[in-house]
Amino acid sequence: AMSYALYFIAKNPEIQQKVRDEVRSVKKSHNDEINYDALMEMHYLN
């Protein structure tokens, strides 16, 4: 599943940037970490 997801993210630069922006935005409110609660807030990644 991770392999296919990475392929589609790589294939679609605009989706990749949107995922990256969300990850970094959520991290800021969690001490710059990808912790459990942060991951639950990454809705576009989901």
ModelCIF file with pLDDT and N, C-alpha, C, O atoms, coordinates in Angstrom:
data_MODEL
#
_entry.id   MODEL 
#
_entity.id                         1 
_entity.type                       polymer 
_entity.pdbx_number_of_molecules   1 
#
_entity_poly.entity_id                      1 
_entity_poly.type                           'polypeptide(L)' 
_entity_poly.nstd_linkage                   no 
_entity_poly.nstd_monomer                   no 
_entity_poly.pdbx_seq_one_letter_code       AMSYALYFIAKNPEIQQKVRDEVRSVKKSHNDEINYDALMEMHYLN 
_entity_poly.pdbx_seq_one_letter_code_can   AMSYALYFIAKNPEIQQKVRDEVRSVKKSHNDEINYDALMEMHYLN 
_entity_poly.pdbx_strand_id                 A 
#
loop_
_entity_poly_seq.entity_id 
_entity_poly_seq.num 
_entity_poly_seq.mon_id 
_entity_poly_seq.hetero 
1 1  ALA n 
1 2  MET n 
1 3  SER n 
1 4  TYR n 
1 5  ALA n 
1 6  LEU n 
1 7  TYR n 
1 8  PHE n 
1 9  ILE n 
1 10 ALA n 
1 11 LYS n 
1 12 ASN n 
1 13 PRO n 
1 14 GLU n 
1 15 ILE n 
1 16 GLN n 
1 17 GLN n 
1 18 LYS n 
1 19 VAL n 
1 20 ARG n 
1 21 ASP n 
1 22 GLU n 
1 23 VAL n 
1 24 ARG n 
1 25 SER n 
1 26 VAL n 
1 27 LYS n 
1 28 LYS n 
1 29 SER n 
1 30 HIS n 
1 31 ASN n 
1 32 ASP n 
1 33 GLU n 
1 34 ILE n 
1 35 ASN n 
1 36 TYR n 
1 37 ASP n 
1 38 ALA n 
1 39 LEU n 
1 40 MET n 
1 41 GLU n 
1 42 MET n 
1 43 HIS n 
1 44 TYR n 
1 45 LEU n 
1 46 ASN n 
#
_struct_asym.id          A 
_struct_asym.entity_id   1 
#
loop_
_ma_qa_metric.id 
_ma_qa_metric.mode 
_ma_qa_metric.name 
_ma_qa_metric.software_group_id 
_ma_qa_metric.type 
1 global pLDDT . pLDDT 
2 local  pLDDT . pLDDT 
#
_ma_qa_metric_global.metric_id      1 
_ma_qa_metric_global.metric_value   97.13 
_ma_qa_metric_global.model_id       1 
_ma_qa_metric_global.ordinal_id     1 
#
loop_
_ma_qa_metric_local.label_asym_id 
_ma_qa_metric_local.label_comp_id 
_ma_qa_metric_local.label_seq_id 
_ma_qa_metric_local.metric_id 
_ma_qa_metric_local.metric_value 
_ma_qa_metric_local.model_id 
_ma_qa_metric_local.ordinal_id 
A ALA 1  2 96.00 1 1  
A MET 2  2 97.00 1 2  
A SER 3  2 97.00 1 3  
A TYR 4  2 98.00 1 4  
A ALA 5  2 98.00 1 5  
A LEU 6  2 98.00 1 6  
A TYR 7  2 98.00 1 7  
A PHE 8  2 98.00 1 8  
A ILE 9  2 98.00 1 9  
A ALA 10 2 98.00 1 10 
A LYS 11 2 98.00 1 11 
A ASN 12 2 98.00 1 12 
A PRO 13 2 98.00 1 13 
A GLU 14 2 98.00 1 14 
A ILE 15 2 98.00 1 15 
A GLN 16 2 98.00 1 16 
A GLN 17 2 98.00 1 17 
A LYS 18 2 98.00 1 18 
A VAL 19 2 98.00 1 19 
A ARG 20 2 98.00 1 20 
A ASP 21 2 98.00 1 21 
A GLU 22 2 98.00 1 22 
A VAL 23 2 98.00 1 23 
A ARG 24 2 97.00 1 24 
A SER 25 2 97.00 1 25 
A VAL 26 2 98.00 1 26 
A LYS 27 2 96.00 1 27 
A LYS 28 2 95.00 1 28 
A SER 29 2 95.00 1 29 
A HIS 30 2 96.00 1 30 
A ASN 31 2 94.00 1 31 
A ASP 32 2 95.00 1 32 
A GLU 33 2 95.00 1 33 
A ILE 34 2 96.00 1 34 
A ASN 35 2 95.00 1 35 
A TYR 36 2 96.00 1 36 
A ASP 37 2 96.00 1 37 
A ALA 38 2 97.00 1 38 
A LEU 39 2 97.00 1 39 
A MET 40 2 96.00 1 40 
A GLU 41 2 97.00 1 41 
A MET 42 2 98.00 1 42 
A HIS 43 2 98.00 1 43 
A TYR 44 2 98.00 1 44 
A LEU 45 2 98.00 1 45 
A ASN 46 2 98.00 1 46 
#
loop_
_atom_site.group_PDB 
_atom_site.id 
_atom_site.type_symbol 
_atom_site.label_atom_id 
_atom_site.label_alt_id 
_atom_site.label_comp_id 
_atom_site.label_asym_id 
_atom_site.label_entity_id 
_atom_site.label_seq_id 
_atom_site.pdbx_PDB_ins_code 
_atom_site.Cartn_x 
_atom_site.Cartn_y 
_atom_site.Cartn_z 
_atom_site.occupancy 
_atom_site.B_iso_or_equiv 
_atom_site.pdbx_formal_charge 
_atom_site.auth_seq_id 
_atom_site.auth_comp_id 
_atom_site.auth_asym_id 
_atom_site.auth_atom_id 
_atom_site.pdbx_PDB_model_num 
ATOM 1   N N  . ALA A 1 1  ? 0.830  -1.211 0.000   1.00 96.00 ? 1  ALA A N  1 
ATOM 2   C CA . ALA A 1 1  ? 0.000  0.000  0.000   1.00 96.00 ? 1  ALA A CA 1 
ATOM 3   C C  . ALA A 1 1  ? 0.859  1.254  0.000   1.00 96.00 ? 1  ALA A C  1 
ATOM 4   O O  . ALA A 1 1  ? 0.562  2.202  -0.727  1.00 96.00 ? 1  ALA A O  1 
ATOM 5   N N  . MET A 1 2  ? 1.922  1.278  0.802   1.00 97.00 ? 2  MET A N  1 
ATOM 6   C CA . MET A 1 2  ? 2.823  2.425  0.830   1.00 97.00 ? 2  MET A CA 1 
ATOM 7   C C  . MET A 1 2  ? 3.484  2.640  -0.529  1.00 97.00 ? 2  MET A C  1 
ATOM 8   O O  . MET A 1 2  ? 3.648  3.774  -0.980  1.00 97.00 ? 2  MET A O  1 
ATOM 9   N N  . SER A 1 3  ? 3.860  1.541  -1.173  1.00 97.00 ? 3  SER A N  1 
ATOM 10  C CA . SER A 1 3  ? 4.531  1.636  -2.478  1.00 97.00 ? 3  SER A CA 1 
ATOM 11  C C  . SER A 1 3  ? 3.636  2.307  -3.510  1.00 97.00 ? 3  SER A C  1 
ATOM 12  O O  . SER A 1 3  ? 4.066  3.214  -4.222  1.00 97.00 ? 3  SER A O  1 
ATOM 13  N N  . TYR A 1 4  ? 2.386  1.854  -3.585  1.00 98.00 ? 4  TYR A N  1 
ATOM 14  C CA . TYR A 1 4  ? 1.456  2.457  -4.534  1.00 98.00 ? 4  TYR A CA 1 
ATOM 15  C C  . TYR A 1 4  ? 1.177  3.916  -4.184  1.00 98.00 ? 4  TYR A C  1 
ATOM 16  O O  . TYR A 1 4  ? 1.100  4.762  -5.074  1.00 98.00 ? 4  TYR A O  1 
ATOM 17  N N  . ALA A 1 5  ? 1.026  4.214  -2.895  1.00 98.00 ? 5  ALA A N  1 
ATOM 18  C CA . ALA A 1 5  ? 0.755  5.596  -2.487  1.00 98.00 ? 5  ALA A CA 1 
ATOM 19  C C  . ALA A 1 5  ? 1.906  6.508  -2.890  1.00 98.00 ? 5  ALA A C  1 
ATOM 20  O O  . ALA A 1 5  ? 1.678  7.609  -3.392  1.00 98.00 ? 5  ALA A O  1 
ATOM 21  N N  . LEU A 1 6  ? 3.136  6.062  -2.677  1.00 98.00 ? 6  LEU A N  1 
ATOM 22  C CA . LEU A 1 6  ? 4.295  6.873  -3.048  1.00 98.00 ? 6  LEU A CA 1 
ATOM 23  C C  . LEU A 1 6  ? 4.371  7.074  -4.557  1.00 98.00 ? 6  LEU A C  1 
ATOM 24  O O  . LEU A 1 6  ? 4.750  8.145  -5.029  1.00 98.00 ? 6  LEU A O  1 
ATOM 25  N N  . TYR A 1 7  ? 4.010  6.045  -5.306  1.00 98.00 ? 7  TYR A N  1 
ATOM 26  C CA . TYR A 1 7  ? 3.997  6.182  -6.761  1.00 98.00 ? 7  TYR A CA 1 
ATOM 27  C C  . TYR A 1 7  ? 3.002  7.256  -7.186  1.00 98.00 ? 7  TYR A C  1 
ATOM 28  O O  . TYR A 1 7  ? 3.344  8.142  -7.969  1.00 98.00 ? 7  TYR A O  1 
ATOM 29  N N  . PHE A 1 8  ? 1.766  7.185  -6.671  1.00 98.00 ? 8  PHE A N  1 
ATOM 30  C CA . PHE A 1 8  ? 0.750  8.160  -7.073  1.00 98.00 ? 8  PHE A CA 1 
ATOM 31  C C  . PHE A 1 8  ? 1.098  9.568  -6.596  1.00 98.00 ? 8  PHE A C  1 
ATOM 32  O O  . PHE A 1 8  ? 0.811  10.543 -7.290  1.00 98.00 ? 8  PHE A O  1 
ATOM 33  N N  . ILE A 1 9  ? 1.706  9.683  -5.431  1.00 98.00 ? 9  ILE A N  1 
ATOM 34  C CA . ILE A 1 9  ? 2.141  10.987 -4.940  1.00 98.00 ? 9  ILE A CA 1 
ATOM 35  C C  . ILE A 1 9  ? 3.246  11.545 -5.838  1.00 98.00 ? 9  ILE A C  1 
ATOM 36  O O  . ILE A 1 9  ? 3.267  12.736 -6.148  1.00 98.00 ? 9  ILE A O  1 
ATOM 37  N N  . ALA A 1 10 ? 4.151  10.677 -6.245  1.00 98.00 ? 10 ALA A N  1 
ATOM 38  C CA . ALA A 1 10 ? 5.227  11.108 -7.143  1.00 98.00 ? 10 ALA A CA 1 
ATOM 39  C C  . ALA A 1 10 ? 4.687  11.471 -8.519  1.00 98.00 ? 10 ALA A C  1 
ATOM 40  O O  . ALA A 1 10 ? 5.207  12.373 -9.175  1.00 98.00 ? 10 ALA A O  1 
ATOM 41  N N  . LYS A 1 11 ? 3.654  10.775 -8.954  1.00 98.00 ? 11 LYS A N  1 
ATOM 42  C CA . LYS A 1 11 ? 3.069  10.981 -10.276 1.00 98.00 ? 11 LYS A CA 1 
ATOM 43  C C  . LYS A 1 11 ? 2.290  12.290 -10.343 1.00 98.00 ? 11 LYS A C  1 
ATOM 44  O O  . LYS A 1 11 ? 2.101  12.849 -11.424 1.00 98.00 ? 11 LYS A O  1 
ATOM 45  N N  . ASN A 1 12 ? 1.842  12.776 -9.196  1.00 98.00 ? 12 ASN A N  1 
ATOM 46  C CA . ASN A 1 12 ? 0.996  13.971 -9.152  1.00 98.00 ? 12 ASN A CA 1 
ATOM 47  C C  . ASN A 1 12 ? 1.646  15.034 -8.265  1.00 98.00 ? 12 ASN A C  1 
ATOM 48  O O  . ASN A 1 12 ? 1.381  15.068 -7.063  1.00 98.00 ? 12 ASN A O  1 
ATOM 49  N N  . PRO A 1 13 ? 2.490  15.900 -8.827  1.00 98.00 ? 13 PRO A N  1 
ATOM 50  C CA . PRO A 1 13 ? 3.230  16.892 -8.030  1.00 98.00 ? 13 PRO A CA 1 
ATOM 51  C C  . PRO A 1 13 ? 2.341  17.798 -7.187  1.00 98.00 ? 13 PRO A C  1 
ATOM 52  O O  . PRO A 1 13 ? 2.720  18.182 -6.081  1.00 98.00 ? 13 PRO A O  1 
ATOM 53  N N  . GLU A 1 14 ? 1.153  18.144 -7.704  1.00 98.00 ? 14 GLU A N  1 
ATOM 54  C CA . GLU A 1 14 ? 0.280  19.025 -6.935  1.00 98.00 ? 14 GLU A CA 1 
ATOM 55  C C  . GLU A 1 14 ? -0.263 18.318 -5.691  1.00 98.00 ? 14 GLU A C  1 
ATOM 56  O O  . GLU A 1 14 ? -0.440 18.942 -4.645  1.00 98.00 ? 14 GLU A O  1 
ATOM 57  N N  . ILE A 1 15 ? -0.521 17.030 -5.810  1.00 98.00 ? 15 ILE A N  1 
ATOM 58  C CA . ILE A 1 15 ? -0.955 16.240 -4.652  1.00 98.00 ? 15 ILE A CA 1 
ATOM 59  C C  . ILE A 1 15 ? 0.192  16.108 -3.660  1.00 98.00 ? 15 ILE A C  1 
ATOM 60  O O  . ILE A 1 15 ? -0.003 16.207 -2.449  1.00 98.00 ? 15 ILE A O  1 
ATOM 61  N N  . GLN A 1 16 ? 1.381  15.884 -4.185  1.00 98.00 ? 16 GLN A N  1 
ATOM 62  C CA . GLN A 1 16 ? 2.559  15.764 -3.323  1.00 98.00 ? 16 GLN A CA 1 
ATOM 63  C C  . GLN A 1 16 ? 2.770  17.029 -2.496  1.00 98.00 ? 16 GLN A C  1 
ATOM 64  O O  . GLN A 1 16 ? 3.035  16.958 -1.296  1.00 98.00 ? 16 GLN A O  1 
ATOM 65  N N  . GLN A 1 17 ? 2.651  18.177 -3.143  1.00 98.00 ? 17 GLN A N  1 
ATOM 66  C CA . GLN A 1 17 ? 2.864  19.435 -2.433  1.00 98.00 ? 17 GLN A CA 1 
ATOM 67  C C  . GLN A 1 17 ? 1.770  19.657 -1.396  1.00 98.00 ? 17 GLN A C  1 
ATOM 68  O O  . GLN A 1 17 ? 2.036  20.160 -0.305  1.00 98.00 ? 17 GLN A O  1 
ATOM 69  N N  . LYS A 1 18 ? 0.551  19.284 -1.736  1.00 98.00 ? 18 LYS A N  1 
ATOM 70  C CA . LYS A 1 18 ? -0.557 19.458 -0.801  1.00 98.00 ? 18 LYS A CA 1 
ATOM 71  C C  . LYS A 1 18 ? -0.360 18.578 0.433   1.00 98.00 ? 18 LYS A C  1 
ATOM 72  O O  . LYS A 1 18 ? -0.623 19.016 1.554   1.00 98.00 ? 18 LYS A O  1 
ATOM 73  N N  . VAL A 1 19 ? 0.099  17.345 0.236   1.00 98.00 ? 19 VAL A N  1 
ATOM 74  C CA . VAL A 1 19 ? 0.395  16.459 1.369   1.00 98.00 ? 19 VAL A CA 1 
ATOM 75  C C  . VAL A 1 19 ? 1.513  17.049 2.221   1.00 98.00 ? 19 VAL A C  1 
ATOM 76  O O  . VAL A 1 19 ? 1.417  17.079 3.447   1.00 98.00 ? 19 VAL A O  1 
ATOM 77  N N  . ARG A 1 20 ? 2.576  17.520 1.567   1.00 98.00 ? 20 ARG A N  1 
ATOM 78  C CA . ARG A 1 20 ? 3.719  18.084 2.296   1.00 98.00 ? 20 ARG A CA 1 
ATOM 79  C C  . ARG A 1 20 ? 3.305  19.321 3.095   1.00 98.00 ? 20 ARG A C  1 
ATOM 80  O O  . ARG A 1 20 ? 3.712  19.484 4.245   1.00 98.00 ? 20 ARG A O  1 
ATOM 81  N N  . ASP A 1 21 ? 2.519  20.166 2.502   1.00 98.00 ? 21 ASP A N  1 
ATOM 82  C CA . ASP A 1 21 ? 2.056  21.367 3.210   1.00 98.00 ? 21 ASP A CA 1 
ATOM 83  C C  . ASP A 1 21 ? 1.239  20.987 4.443   1.00 98.00 ? 21 ASP A C  1 
ATOM 84  O O  . ASP A 1 21 ? 1.382  21.596 5.503   1.00 98.00 ? 21 ASP A O  1 
ATOM 85  N N  . GLU A 1 22 ? 0.383  19.980 4.295   1.00 98.00 ? 22 GLU A N  1 
ATOM 86  C CA . GLU A 1 22 ? -0.428 19.556 5.437   1.00 98.00 ? 22 GLU A CA 1 
ATOM 87  C C  . GLU A 1 22 ? 0.447  18.971 6.539   1.00 98.00 ? 22 GLU A C  1 
ATOM 88  O O  . GLU A 1 22 ? 0.270  19.297 7.713   1.00 98.00 ? 22 GLU A O  1 
ATOM 89  N N  . VAL A 1 23 ? 1.388  18.109 6.166   1.00 98.00 ? 23 VAL A N  1 
ATOM 90  C CA . VAL A 1 23 ? 2.266  17.486 7.169   1.00 98.00 ? 23 VAL A CA 1 
ATOM 91  C C  . VAL A 1 23 ? 3.010  18.563 7.959   1.00 98.00 ? 23 VAL A C  1 
ATOM 92  O O  . VAL A 1 23 ? 3.075  18.515 9.187   1.00 98.00 ? 23 VAL A O  1 
ATOM 93  N N  . ARG A 1 24 ? 3.557  19.512 7.252   1.00 97.00 ? 24 ARG A N  1 
ATOM 94  C CA . ARG A 1 24 ? 4.353  20.549 7.922   1.00 97.00 ? 24 ARG A CA 1 
ATOM 95  C C  . ARG A 1 24 ? 3.484  21.485 8.738   1.00 97.00 ? 24 ARG A C  1 
ATOM 96  O O  . ARG A 1 24 ? 3.898  21.935 9.807   1.00 97.00 ? 24 ARG A O  1 
ATOM 97  N N  . SER A 1 25 ? 2.301  21.784 8.261   1.00 97.00 ? 25 SER A N  1 
ATOM 98  C CA . SER A 1 25 ? 1.398  22.650 9.004   1.00 97.00 ? 25 SER A CA 1 
ATOM 99  C C  . SER A 1 25 ? 0.960  21.993 10.311  1.00 97.00 ? 25 SER A C  1 
ATOM 100 O O  . SER A 1 25 ? 0.955  22.633 11.363  1.00 97.00 ? 25 SER A O  1 
ATOM 101 N N  . VAL A 1 26 ? 0.594  20.711 10.239  1.00 98.00 ? 26 VAL A N  1 
ATOM 102 C CA . VAL A 1 26 ? 0.153  19.993 11.440  1.00 98.00 ? 26 VAL A CA 1 
ATOM 103 C C  . VAL A 1 26 ? 1.310  19.829 12.418  1.00 98.00 ? 26 VAL A C  1 
ATOM 104 O O  . VAL A 1 26 ? 1.128  19.948 13.630  1.00 98.00 ? 26 VAL A O  1 
ATOM 105 N N  . LYS A 1 27 ? 2.495  19.557 11.890  1.00 96.00 ? 27 LYS A N  1 
ATOM 106 C CA . LYS A 1 27 ? 3.670  19.388 12.763  1.00 96.00 ? 27 LYS A CA 1 
ATOM 107 C C  . LYS A 1 27 ? 3.913  20.619 13.644  1.00 96.00 ? 27 LYS A C  1 
ATOM 108 O O  . LYS A 1 27 ? 4.300  20.493 14.805  1.00 96.00 ? 27 LYS A O  1 
ATOM 109 N N  . LYS A 1 28 ? 3.683  21.794 13.086  1.00 95.00 ? 28 LYS A N  1 
ATOM 110 C CA . LYS A 1 28 ? 3.967  23.036 13.827  1.00 95.00 ? 28 LYS A CA 1 
ATOM 111 C C  . LYS A 1 28 ? 3.189  23.118 15.137  1.00 95.00 ? 28 LYS A C  1 
ATOM 112 O O  . LYS A 1 28 ? 3.673  23.673 16.123  1.00 95.00 ? 28 LYS A O  1 
ATOM 113 N N  . SER A 1 29 ? 1.985  22.564 15.137  1.00 95.00 ? 29 SER A N  1 
ATOM 114 C CA . SER A 1 29 ? 1.170  22.608 16.352  1.00 95.00 ? 29 SER A CA 1 
ATOM 115 C C  . SER A 1 29 ? 1.414  21.415 17.269  1.00 95.00 ? 29 SER A C  1 
ATOM 116 O O  . SER A 1 29 ? 0.719  21.240 18.270  1.00 95.00 ? 29 SER A O  1 
ATOM 117 N N  . HIS A 1 30 ? 2.411  20.593 16.919  1.00 96.00 ? 30 HIS A N  1 
ATOM 118 C CA . HIS A 1 30 ? 2.748  19.417 17.737  1.00 96.00 ? 30 HIS A CA 1 
ATOM 119 C C  . HIS A 1 30 ? 4.256  19.347 17.979  1.00 96.00 ? 30 HIS A C  1 
ATOM 120 O O  . HIS A 1 30 ? 4.873  18.297 17.802  1.00 96.00 ? 30 HIS A O  1 
ATOM 121 N N  . ASN A 1 31 ? 4.832  20.458 18.377  1.00 94.00 ? 31 ASN A N  1 
ATOM 122 C CA . ASN A 1 31 ? 6.263  20.518 18.704  1.00 94.00 ? 31 ASN A CA 1 
ATOM 123 C C  . ASN A 1 31 ? 7.143  20.047 17.558  1.00 94.00 ? 31 ASN A C  1 
ATOM 124 O O  . ASN A 1 31 ? 8.208  19.463 17.758  1.00 94.00 ? 31 ASN A O  1 
ATOM 125 N N  . ASP A 1 32 ? 6.658  20.323 16.335  1.00 95.00 ? 32 ASP A N  1 
ATOM 126 C CA . ASP A 1 32 ? 7.399  19.963 15.129  1.00 95.00 ? 32 ASP A CA 1 
ATOM 127 C C  . ASP A 1 32 ? 7.674  18.455 15.045  1.00 95.00 ? 32 ASP A C  1 
ATOM 128 O O  . ASP A 1 32 ? 8.729  18.026 14.578  1.00 95.00 ? 32 ASP A O  1 
ATOM 129 N N  . GLU A 1 33 ? 6.700  17.667 15.507  1.00 95.00 ? 33 GLU A N  1 
ATOM 130 C CA . GLU A 1 33 ? 6.825  16.207 15.473  1.00 95.00 ? 33 GLU A CA 1 
ATOM 131 C C  . GLU A 1 33 ? 5.623  15.584 14.759  1.00 95.00 ? 33 GLU A C  1 
ATOM 132 O O  . GLU A 1 33 ? 4.527  16.143 14.738  1.00 95.00 ? 33 GLU A O  1 
ATOM 133 N N  . ILE A 1 34 ? 5.864  14.423 14.185  1.00 96.00 ? 34 ILE A N  1 
ATOM 134 C CA . ILE A 1 34 ? 4.756  13.630 13.654  1.00 96.00 ? 34 ILE A CA 1 
ATOM 135 C C  . ILE A 1 34 ? 4.405  12.611 14.741  1.00 96.00 ? 34 ILE A C  1 
ATOM 136 O O  . ILE A 1 34 ? 4.842  11.462 14.694  1.00 96.00 ? 34 ILE A O  1 
ATOM 137 N N  . ASN A 1 35 ? 3.613  13.049 15.715  1.00 95.00 ? 35 ASN A N  1 
ATOM 138 C CA . ASN A 1 35 ? 3.194  12.122 16.755  1.00 95.00 ? 35 ASN A CA 1 
ATOM 139 C C  . ASN A 1 35 ? 1.815  11.538 16.414  1.00 95.00 ? 35 ASN A C  1 
ATOM 140 O O  . ASN A 1 35 ? 1.252  11.824 15.357  1.00 95.00 ? 35 ASN A O  1 
ATOM 141 N N  . TYR A 1 36 ? 1.293  10.730 17.311  1.00 96.00 ? 36 TYR A N  1 
ATOM 142 C CA . TYR A 1 36 ? 0.022  10.041 17.040  1.00 96.00 ? 36 TYR A CA 1 
ATOM 143 C C  . TYR A 1 36 ? -1.102 11.037 16.761  1.00 96.00 ? 36 TYR A C  1 
ATOM 144 O O  . TYR A 1 36 ? -1.831 10.902 15.778  1.00 96.00 ? 36 TYR A O  1 
ATOM 145 N N  . ASP A 1 37 ? -1.237 12.037 17.634  1.00 96.00 ? 37 ASP A N  1 
ATOM 146 C CA . ASP A 1 37 ? -2.325 13.004 17.463  1.00 96.00 ? 37 ASP A CA 1 
ATOM 147 C C  . ASP A 1 37 ? -2.165 13.819 16.178  1.00 96.00 ? 37 ASP A C  1 
ATOM 148 O O  . ASP A 1 37 ? -3.146 14.143 15.508  1.00 96.00 ? 37 ASP A O  1 
ATOM 149 N N  . ALA A 1 38 ? -0.916 14.144 15.850  1.00 97.00 ? 38 ALA A N  1 
ATOM 150 C CA . ALA A 1 38 ? -0.663 14.885 14.606  1.00 97.00 ? 38 ALA A CA 1 
ATOM 151 C C  . ALA A 1 38 ? -1.111 14.065 13.397  1.00 97.00 ? 38 ALA A C  1 
ATOM 152 O O  . ALA A 1 38 ? -1.736 14.586 12.474  1.00 97.00 ? 38 ALA A O  1 
ATOM 153 N N  . LEU A 1 39 ? -0.781 12.781 13.421  1.00 97.00 ? 39 LEU A N  1 
ATOM 154 C CA . LEU A 1 39 ? -1.136 11.917 12.298  1.00 97.00 ? 39 LEU A CA 1 
ATOM 155 C C  . LEU A 1 39 ? -2.654 11.835 12.128  1.00 97.00 ? 39 LEU A C  1 
ATOM 156 O O  . LEU A 1 39 ? -3.155 11.777 11.005  1.00 97.00 ? 39 LEU A O  1 
ATOM 157 N N  . MET A 1 40 ? -3.377 11.829 13.239  1.00 96.00 ? 40 MET A N  1 
ATOM 158 C CA . MET A 1 40 ? -4.838 11.774 13.185  1.00 96.00 ? 40 MET A CA 1 
ATOM 159 C C  . MET A 1 40 ? -5.433 13.045 12.573  1.00 96.00 ? 40 MET A C  1 
ATOM 160 O O  . MET A 1 40 ? -6.568 13.036 12.097  1.00 96.00 ? 40 MET A O  1 
ATOM 161 N N  . GLU A 1 41 ? -4.669 14.130 12.586  1.00 97.00 ? 41 GLU A N  1 
ATOM 162 C CA . GLU A 1 41 ? -5.160 15.404 12.044  1.00 97.00 ? 41 GLU A CA 1 
ATOM 163 C C  . GLU A 1 41 ? -4.799 15.598 10.571  1.00 97.00 ? 41 GLU A C  1 
ATOM 164 O O  . GLU A 1 41 ? -5.202 16.591 9.965   1.00 97.00 ? 41 GLU A O  1 
ATOM 165 N N  . MET A 1 42 ? -4.052 14.673 9.992   1.00 98.00 ? 42 MET A N  1 
ATOM 166 C CA . MET A 1 42 ? -3.637 14.797 8.586   1.00 98.00 ? 42 MET A CA 1 
ATOM 167 C C  . MET A 1 42 ? -4.719 14.195 7.693   1.00 98.00 ? 42 MET A C  1 
ATOM 168 O O  . MET A 1 42 ? -4.595 13.069 7.211   1.00 98.00 ? 42 MET A O  1 
ATOM 169 N N  . HIS A 1 43 ? -5.773 14.966 7.487   1.00 98.00 ? 43 HIS A N  1 
ATOM 170 C CA . HIS A 1 43 ? -6.956 14.454 6.793   1.00 98.00 ? 43 HIS A CA 1 
ATOM 171 C C  . HIS A 1 43 ? -6.717 14.248 5.298   1.00 98.00 ? 43 HIS A C  1 
ATOM 172 O O  . HIS A 1 43 ? -7.216 13.284 4.717   1.00 98.00 ? 43 HIS A O  1 
ATOM 173 N N  . TYR A 1 44 ? -5.961 15.144 4.675   1.00 98.00 ? 44 TYR A N  1 
ATOM 174 C CA . TYR A 1 44 ? -5.727 14.969 3.236   1.00 98.00 ? 44 TYR A CA 1 
ATOM 175 C C  . TYR A 1 44 ? -4.823 13.761 2.988   1.00 98.00 ? 44 TYR A C  1 
ATOM 176 O O  . TYR A 1 44 ? -5.020 13.029 2.018   1.00 98.00 ? 44 TYR A O  1 
ATOM 177 N N  . LEU A 1 45 ? -3.837 13.552 3.855   1.00 98.00 ? 45 LEU A N  1 
ATOM 178 C CA . LEU A 1 45 ? -3.007 12.346 3.752   1.00 98.00 ? 45 LEU A CA 1 
ATOM 179 C C  . LEU A 1 45 ? -3.886 11.105 3.846   1.00 98.00 ? 45 LEU A C  1 
ATOM 180 O O  . LEU A 1 45 ? -3.673 10.133 3.120   1.00 98.00 ? 45 LEU A O  1 
ATOM 181 N N  . ASN A 1 46 ? -4.862 11.135 4.727   1.00 98.00 ? 46 ASN A N  1 
ATOM 182 C CA . ASN A 1 46 ? -5.784 10.006 4.861   1.00 98.00 ? 46 ASN A CA 1 
ATOM 183 C C  . ASN A 1 46 ? -6.577 9.795  3.576   1.00 98.00 ? 46 ASN A C  1 
ATOM 184 O O  . ASN A 1 46 ? -7.404 8.887  3.503   1.00 98.00 ? 46 ASN A O  1 
#
